[in-house]
Amino acid sequence: MEKKRILLVDDDPAYAKMVREWLRDLYRTDVVTAGKQAVRFLSKNKVDLVLLDYEMPELNGPQVLEMLRKDPETADIPIVFLTGAASKEGIISTVLDLKPDGFLQKTATKADIISFLNERLN
């Protein structure tokens, strides 16, 4: 059976590498380090879910989500925010109208992230 494909978008290469390692046995995981790269990547590649960093330079997570939702080709891809921000509630109220498919704290453990993804993708 072919692995589900995840795009991980995070401007912190160390964090992205760690999460990619955690997921590599279960999912095909592509990594980009900027919002513009994510939009370009998704215009050429199909994925099953996007893990999207909330805070990034240039294009932040909410801006990327908004762009993806406006494009019919990417509008239905599940988008999950990764956030290091302490206040999940503040973030939720900011982006609720964009309808992300979930939130994960960057402090989540490997087991938490895998469990979350398995619920969404299997």
N, C-alpha and C. Protein backbone atom coordinates (compact mmCIF):
# COMPACT_ATOMS: atom_id res chain seq x y z
N MET A 1 0.84 -1.20 0.00
CA MET A 1 0.00 0.00 0.00
C MET A 1 0.88 1.25 0.00
N GLU A 2 0.51 2.22 -0.78
CA GLU A 2 1.31 3.43 -0.87
C GLU A 2 1.10 4.30 0.37
N LYS A 3 2.19 4.87 0.84
CA LYS A 3 2.12 5.74 2.02
C LYS A 3 1.38 7.03 1.69
N LYS A 4 0.64 7.53 2.68
CA LYS A 4 0.02 8.85 2.54
C LYS A 4 1.14 9.88 2.49
N ARG A 5 0.87 10.99 1.82
CA ARG A 5 1.90 12.02 1.63
C ARG A 5 1.56 13.27 2.42
N ILE A 6 2.55 13.74 3.16
CA ILE A 6 2.39 14.93 4.00
C ILE A 6 3.40 15.97 3.55
N LEU A 7 2.96 17.22 3.51
CA LEU A 7 3.89 18.33 3.29
C LEU A 7 4.06 19.03 4.63
N LEU A 8 5.32 19.12 5.07
CA LEU A 8 5.65 19.82 6.31
C LEU A 8 6.26 21.17 5.93
N VAL A 9 5.63 22.25 6.39
CA VAL A 9 6.08 23.60 6.07
C VAL A 9 6.54 24.26 7.37
N ASP A 10 7.86 24.46 7.50
CA ASP A 10 8.38 25.05 8.73
C ASP A 10 9.70 25.74 8.44
N ASP A 11 9.85 26.97 8.94
CA ASP A 11 11.08 27.72 8.69
C ASP A 11 12.21 27.32 9.63
N ASP A 12 11.98 26.38 10.54
CA ASP A 12 13.01 25.88 11.44
C ASP A 12 13.50 24.53 10.93
N PRO A 13 14.66 24.51 10.25
CA PRO A 13 15.13 23.27 9.62
C PRO A 13 15.35 22.13 10.62
N ALA A 14 15.79 22.45 11.82
CA ALA A 14 16.04 21.41 12.82
C ALA A 14 14.74 20.74 13.24
N TYR A 15 13.71 21.55 13.47
CA TYR A 15 12.40 21.00 13.84
C TYR A 15 11.83 20.17 12.68
N ALA A 16 11.90 20.72 11.48
CA ALA A 16 11.37 20.02 10.30
C ALA A 16 12.06 18.67 10.10
N LYS A 17 13.37 18.65 10.27
CA LYS A 17 14.13 17.41 10.10
C LYS A 17 13.71 16.38 11.15
N MET A 18 13.54 16.82 12.38
CA MET A 18 13.14 15.93 13.46
C MET A 18 11.76 15.31 13.17
N VAL A 19 10.80 16.13 12.80
CA VAL A 19 9.45 15.62 12.53
C VAL A 19 9.47 14.68 11.32
N ARG A 20 10.23 15.05 10.31
CA ARG A 20 10.34 14.19 9.13
C ARG A 20 10.87 12.81 9.52
N GLU A 21 11.89 12.78 10.37
CA GLU A 21 12.44 11.52 10.86
C GLU A 21 11.37 10.70 11.59
N TRP A 22 10.60 11.37 12.44
CA TRP A 22 9.55 10.70 13.20
C TRP A 22 8.54 10.03 12.28
N LEU A 23 8.24 10.68 11.16
CA LEU A 23 7.15 10.24 10.29
C LEU A 23 7.60 9.33 9.16
N ARG A 24 8.90 9.21 8.93
CA ARG A 24 9.36 8.61 7.67
C ARG A 24 8.95 7.16 7.47
N ASP A 25 8.77 6.40 8.55
CA ASP A 25 8.36 5.00 8.38
C ASP A 25 6.87 4.88 8.05
N LEU A 26 6.10 5.90 8.39
CA LEU A 26 4.64 5.83 8.24
C LEU A 26 4.11 6.63 7.07
N TYR A 27 4.74 7.75 6.78
CA TYR A 27 4.24 8.67 5.76
C TYR A 27 5.37 9.13 4.85
N ARG A 28 5.01 9.43 3.62
CA ARG A 28 5.95 10.08 2.71
C ARG A 28 5.89 11.56 3.06
N THR A 29 7.00 12.11 3.56
CA THR A 29 6.99 13.47 4.08
C THR A 29 7.93 14.37 3.28
N ASP A 30 7.36 15.38 2.66
CA ASP A 30 8.14 16.39 1.96
C ASP A 30 8.26 17.60 2.88
N VAL A 31 9.40 18.30 2.79
CA VAL A 31 9.61 19.47 3.65
C VAL A 31 9.95 20.68 2.79
N VAL A 32 9.29 21.79 3.08
CA VAL A 32 9.69 23.09 2.53
C VAL A 32 9.81 24.05 3.71
N THR A 33 10.60 25.11 3.52
CA THR A 33 10.91 25.98 4.65
C THR A 33 10.30 27.37 4.56
N ALA A 34 9.41 27.57 3.58
CA ALA A 34 8.79 28.89 3.45
C ALA A 34 7.40 28.76 2.83
N GLY A 35 6.55 29.74 3.14
CA GLY A 35 5.18 29.73 2.63
C GLY A 35 5.09 29.72 1.12
N LYS A 36 5.92 30.55 0.47
CA LYS A 36 5.89 30.60 -1.00
C LYS A 36 6.27 29.25 -1.60
N GLN A 37 7.26 28.59 -0.98
CA GLN A 37 7.67 27.26 -1.45
C GLN A 37 6.49 26.28 -1.33
N ALA A 38 5.74 26.39 -0.25
CA ALA A 38 4.61 25.50 -0.02
C ALA A 38 3.57 25.67 -1.12
N VAL A 39 3.24 26.92 -1.43
CA VAL A 39 2.24 27.19 -2.46
C VAL A 39 2.72 26.65 -3.81
N ARG A 40 3.99 26.88 -4.15
CA ARG A 40 4.56 26.36 -5.40
C ARG A 40 4.54 24.83 -5.43
N PHE A 41 4.98 24.23 -4.33
CA PHE A 41 5.03 22.77 -4.23
C PHE A 41 3.64 22.17 -4.46
N LEU A 42 2.64 22.76 -3.81
CA LEU A 42 1.28 22.21 -3.89
C LEU A 42 0.63 22.47 -5.25
N SER A 43 1.16 23.41 -6.01
CA SER A 43 0.61 23.62 -7.36
C SER A 43 1.07 22.50 -8.30
N LYS A 44 2.12 21.76 -7.90
CA LYS A 44 2.66 20.71 -8.75
C LYS A 44 2.51 19.30 -8.17
N ASN A 45 2.23 19.21 -6.88
CA ASN A 45 2.20 17.91 -6.20
C ASN A 45 0.93 17.73 -5.38
N LYS A 46 0.43 16.52 -5.36
CA LYS A 46 -0.74 16.19 -4.53
C LYS A 46 -0.26 15.64 -3.19
N VAL A 47 -0.87 16.13 -2.12
CA VAL A 47 -0.57 15.59 -0.80
C VAL A 47 -1.88 15.28 -0.08
N ASP A 48 -1.78 14.48 0.99
CA ASP A 48 -2.96 14.11 1.75
C ASP A 48 -3.22 15.05 2.92
N LEU A 49 -2.16 15.78 3.35
CA LEU A 49 -2.30 16.69 4.49
C LEU A 49 -1.10 17.62 4.51
N VAL A 50 -1.31 18.84 5.01
CA VAL A 50 -0.22 19.80 5.18
C VAL A 50 -0.09 20.14 6.66
N LEU A 51 1.13 19.99 7.18
CA LEU A 51 1.46 20.49 8.52
C LEU A 51 2.11 21.84 8.30
N LEU A 52 1.46 22.88 8.74
CA LEU A 52 1.84 24.25 8.38
C LEU A 52 2.23 25.06 9.61
N ASP A 53 3.48 25.51 9.62
CA ASP A 53 3.95 26.37 10.71
C ASP A 53 3.12 27.64 10.73
N TYR A 54 2.71 28.05 11.91
CA TYR A 54 1.86 29.23 12.05
C TYR A 54 2.65 30.52 11.85
N GLU A 55 3.84 30.58 12.43
CA GLU A 55 4.63 31.81 12.36
C GLU A 55 5.86 31.60 11.48
N MET A 56 5.87 32.29 10.34
CA MET A 56 7.02 32.23 9.42
C MET A 56 7.25 33.61 8.84
N PRO A 57 8.50 33.89 8.44
CA PRO A 57 8.75 35.18 7.77
C PRO A 57 8.09 35.22 6.39
N GLU A 58 7.97 36.38 5.83
CA GLU A 58 7.33 36.61 4.52
C GLU A 58 5.87 36.21 4.55
N LEU A 59 5.57 34.99 4.11
CA LEU A 59 4.18 34.49 4.15
C LEU A 59 4.02 33.65 5.41
N ASN A 60 3.13 34.07 6.32
CA ASN A 60 2.92 33.25 7.51
C ASN A 60 1.88 32.16 7.25
N GLY A 61 1.68 31.29 8.24
CA GLY A 61 0.75 30.18 8.09
C GLY A 61 -0.65 30.59 7.67
N PRO A 62 -1.26 31.57 8.39
CA PRO A 62 -2.61 31.98 7.99
C PRO A 62 -2.68 32.50 6.55
N GLN A 63 -1.65 33.22 6.10
CA GLN A 63 -1.64 33.73 4.72
C GLN A 63 -1.56 32.57 3.72
N VAL A 64 -0.72 31.58 4.03
CA VAL A 64 -0.60 30.41 3.15
C VAL A 64 -1.93 29.66 3.11
N LEU A 65 -2.54 29.46 4.28
CA LEU A 65 -3.83 28.77 4.34
C LEU A 65 -4.88 29.50 3.50
N GLU A 66 -4.91 30.79 3.61
CA GLU A 66 -5.87 31.58 2.85
C GLU A 66 -5.66 31.40 1.34
N MET A 67 -4.39 31.43 0.91
CA MET A 67 -4.09 31.24 -0.52
C MET A 67 -4.51 29.85 -1.00
N LEU A 68 -4.25 28.84 -0.17
CA LEU A 68 -4.59 27.47 -0.55
C LEU A 68 -6.10 27.27 -0.61
N ARG A 69 -6.82 27.89 0.30
CA ARG A 69 -8.28 27.76 0.32
C ARG A 69 -8.94 28.44 -0.88
N LYS A 70 -8.30 29.49 -1.40
CA LYS A 70 -8.87 30.22 -2.54
C LYS A 70 -8.66 29.50 -3.87
N ASP A 71 -7.69 28.59 -3.93
CA ASP A 71 -7.36 27.89 -5.16
C ASP A 71 -8.14 26.57 -5.20
N PRO A 72 -9.00 26.37 -6.22
CA PRO A 72 -9.80 25.14 -6.28
C PRO A 72 -8.95 23.86 -6.24
N GLU A 73 -7.72 23.94 -6.76
CA GLU A 73 -6.84 22.76 -6.78
C GLU A 73 -6.40 22.35 -5.37
N THR A 74 -6.29 23.31 -4.46
CA THR A 74 -5.75 23.02 -3.12
C THR A 74 -6.77 23.27 -2.00
N ALA A 75 -7.95 23.71 -2.36
CA ALA A 75 -8.95 24.13 -1.36
C ALA A 75 -9.33 23.02 -0.38
N ASP A 76 -9.29 21.78 -0.83
CA ASP A 76 -9.78 20.69 0.01
C ASP A 76 -8.69 19.91 0.75
N ILE A 77 -7.45 20.33 0.62
CA ILE A 77 -6.37 19.64 1.33
C ILE A 77 -6.49 19.94 2.82
N PRO A 78 -6.47 18.91 3.67
CA PRO A 78 -6.48 19.18 5.11
C PRO A 78 -5.21 19.94 5.53
N ILE A 79 -5.41 21.03 6.26
CA ILE A 79 -4.28 21.86 6.72
C ILE A 79 -4.31 21.87 8.24
N VAL A 80 -3.19 21.49 8.85
CA VAL A 80 -3.07 21.48 10.30
C VAL A 80 -1.96 22.45 10.69
N PHE A 81 -2.29 23.40 11.56
CA PHE A 81 -1.27 24.35 12.01
C PHE A 81 -0.35 23.73 13.05
N LEU A 82 0.94 23.99 12.89
CA LEU A 82 1.94 23.70 13.91
C LEU A 82 2.24 25.02 14.58
N THR A 83 2.18 25.05 15.89
CA THR A 83 2.44 26.31 16.55
C THR A 83 3.29 26.15 17.79
N GLY A 84 4.22 27.07 17.93
CA GLY A 84 5.02 27.13 19.14
C GLY A 84 4.41 28.14 20.09
N ALA A 85 3.40 28.84 19.62
CA ALA A 85 2.76 29.89 20.42
C ALA A 85 2.10 29.28 21.65
N ALA A 86 2.21 29.97 22.74
CA ALA A 86 1.67 29.47 24.01
C ALA A 86 0.14 29.45 23.99
N SER A 87 -0.46 30.44 23.37
CA SER A 87 -1.92 30.56 23.43
C SER A 87 -2.59 30.01 22.19
N LYS A 88 -2.99 28.76 22.27
CA LYS A 88 -3.71 28.14 21.16
C LYS A 88 -5.03 28.87 20.92
N GLU A 89 -5.66 29.32 21.99
CA GLU A 89 -6.96 29.99 21.85
C GLU A 89 -6.84 31.25 21.01
N GLY A 90 -5.79 32.04 21.25
CA GLY A 90 -5.57 33.26 20.48
C GLY A 90 -5.42 32.96 19.00
N ILE A 91 -4.71 31.90 18.70
CA ILE A 91 -4.50 31.51 17.32
C ILE A 91 -5.82 31.03 16.71
N ILE A 92 -6.54 30.22 17.46
CA ILE A 92 -7.79 29.67 16.95
C ILE A 92 -8.74 30.80 16.55
N SER A 93 -8.87 31.80 17.41
CA SER A 93 -9.79 32.89 17.09
C SER A 93 -9.32 33.68 15.87
N THR A 94 -8.01 33.76 15.67
CA THR A 94 -7.46 34.51 14.54
C THR A 94 -7.76 33.82 13.21
N VAL A 95 -7.73 32.49 13.20
CA VAL A 95 -7.81 31.78 11.92
C VAL A 95 -9.06 30.92 11.76
N LEU A 96 -9.97 31.03 12.70
CA LEU A 96 -11.15 30.17 12.66
C LEU A 96 -11.92 30.28 11.35
N ASP A 97 -12.04 31.49 10.83
CA ASP A 97 -12.80 31.67 9.59
C ASP A 97 -12.10 31.03 8.38
N LEU A 98 -10.82 30.73 8.49
CA LEU A 98 -10.11 30.06 7.40
C LEU A 98 -10.30 28.54 7.47
N LYS A 99 -10.87 28.07 8.57
CA LYS A 99 -11.19 26.66 8.76
C LYS A 99 -9.99 25.71 8.60
N PRO A 100 -8.97 25.88 9.45
CA PRO A 100 -7.91 24.87 9.43
C PRO A 100 -8.48 23.55 9.96
N ASP A 101 -7.79 22.46 9.67
CA ASP A 101 -8.30 21.15 10.06
C ASP A 101 -7.76 20.69 11.40
N GLY A 102 -7.03 21.55 12.08
CA GLY A 102 -6.54 21.20 13.40
C GLY A 102 -5.32 22.01 13.78
N PHE A 103 -4.87 21.77 14.99
CA PHE A 103 -3.71 22.46 15.54
C PHE A 103 -2.86 21.45 16.29
N LEU A 104 -1.55 21.57 16.15
CA LEU A 104 -0.61 20.79 16.94
C LEU A 104 0.39 21.74 17.55
N GLN A 105 0.64 21.60 18.84
CA GLN A 105 1.70 22.39 19.48
C GLN A 105 3.04 21.81 19.03
N LYS A 106 4.03 22.67 18.84
CA LYS A 106 5.35 22.19 18.46
C LYS A 106 6.00 21.38 19.59
N THR A 107 5.44 21.50 20.78
CA THR A 107 5.96 20.73 21.91
C THR A 107 5.38 19.31 21.95
N ALA A 108 4.48 19.00 21.03
CA ALA A 108 3.87 17.66 20.99
C ALA A 108 4.95 16.60 20.81
N THR A 109 4.73 15.45 21.44
CA THR A 109 5.69 14.36 21.33
C THR A 109 5.50 13.63 20.00
N LYS A 110 6.48 12.80 19.68
CA LYS A 110 6.39 11.97 18.48
C LYS A 110 5.09 11.15 18.51
N ALA A 111 4.80 10.53 19.65
CA ALA A 111 3.59 9.70 19.77
C ALA A 111 2.33 10.54 19.55
N ASP A 112 2.30 11.75 20.10
CA ASP A 112 1.13 12.63 19.94
C ASP A 112 0.92 12.99 18.47
N ILE A 113 2.00 13.34 17.80
CA ILE A 113 1.89 13.76 16.39
C ILE A 113 1.44 12.57 15.53
N ILE A 114 2.04 11.41 15.75
CA ILE A 114 1.68 10.24 14.95
C ILE A 114 0.22 9.85 15.20
N SER A 115 -0.19 9.88 16.45
CA SER A 115 -1.57 9.55 16.80
C SER A 115 -2.54 10.52 16.12
N PHE A 116 -2.22 11.81 16.18
CA PHE A 116 -3.04 12.85 15.55
C PHE A 116 -3.16 12.58 14.05
N LEU A 117 -2.04 12.32 13.39
CA LEU A 117 -2.04 12.10 11.94
C LEU A 117 -2.78 10.82 11.58
N ASN A 118 -2.58 9.77 12.37
CA ASN A 118 -3.28 8.50 12.09
C ASN A 118 -4.79 8.68 12.15
N GLU A 119 -5.26 9.47 13.12
CA GLU A 119 -6.70 9.74 13.22
C GLU A 119 -7.21 10.45 11.98
N ARG A 120 -6.42 11.39 11.46
CA ARG A 120 -6.86 12.21 10.33
C ARG A 120 -6.73 11.48 8.99
N LEU A 121 -5.76 10.60 8.88
CA LEU A 121 -5.42 10.05 7.56
C LEU A 121 -5.81 8.60 7.34
N ASN A 122 -6.13 7.88 8.40
CA ASN A 122 -6.41 6.45 8.21
C ASN A 122 -7.84 6.08 8.51
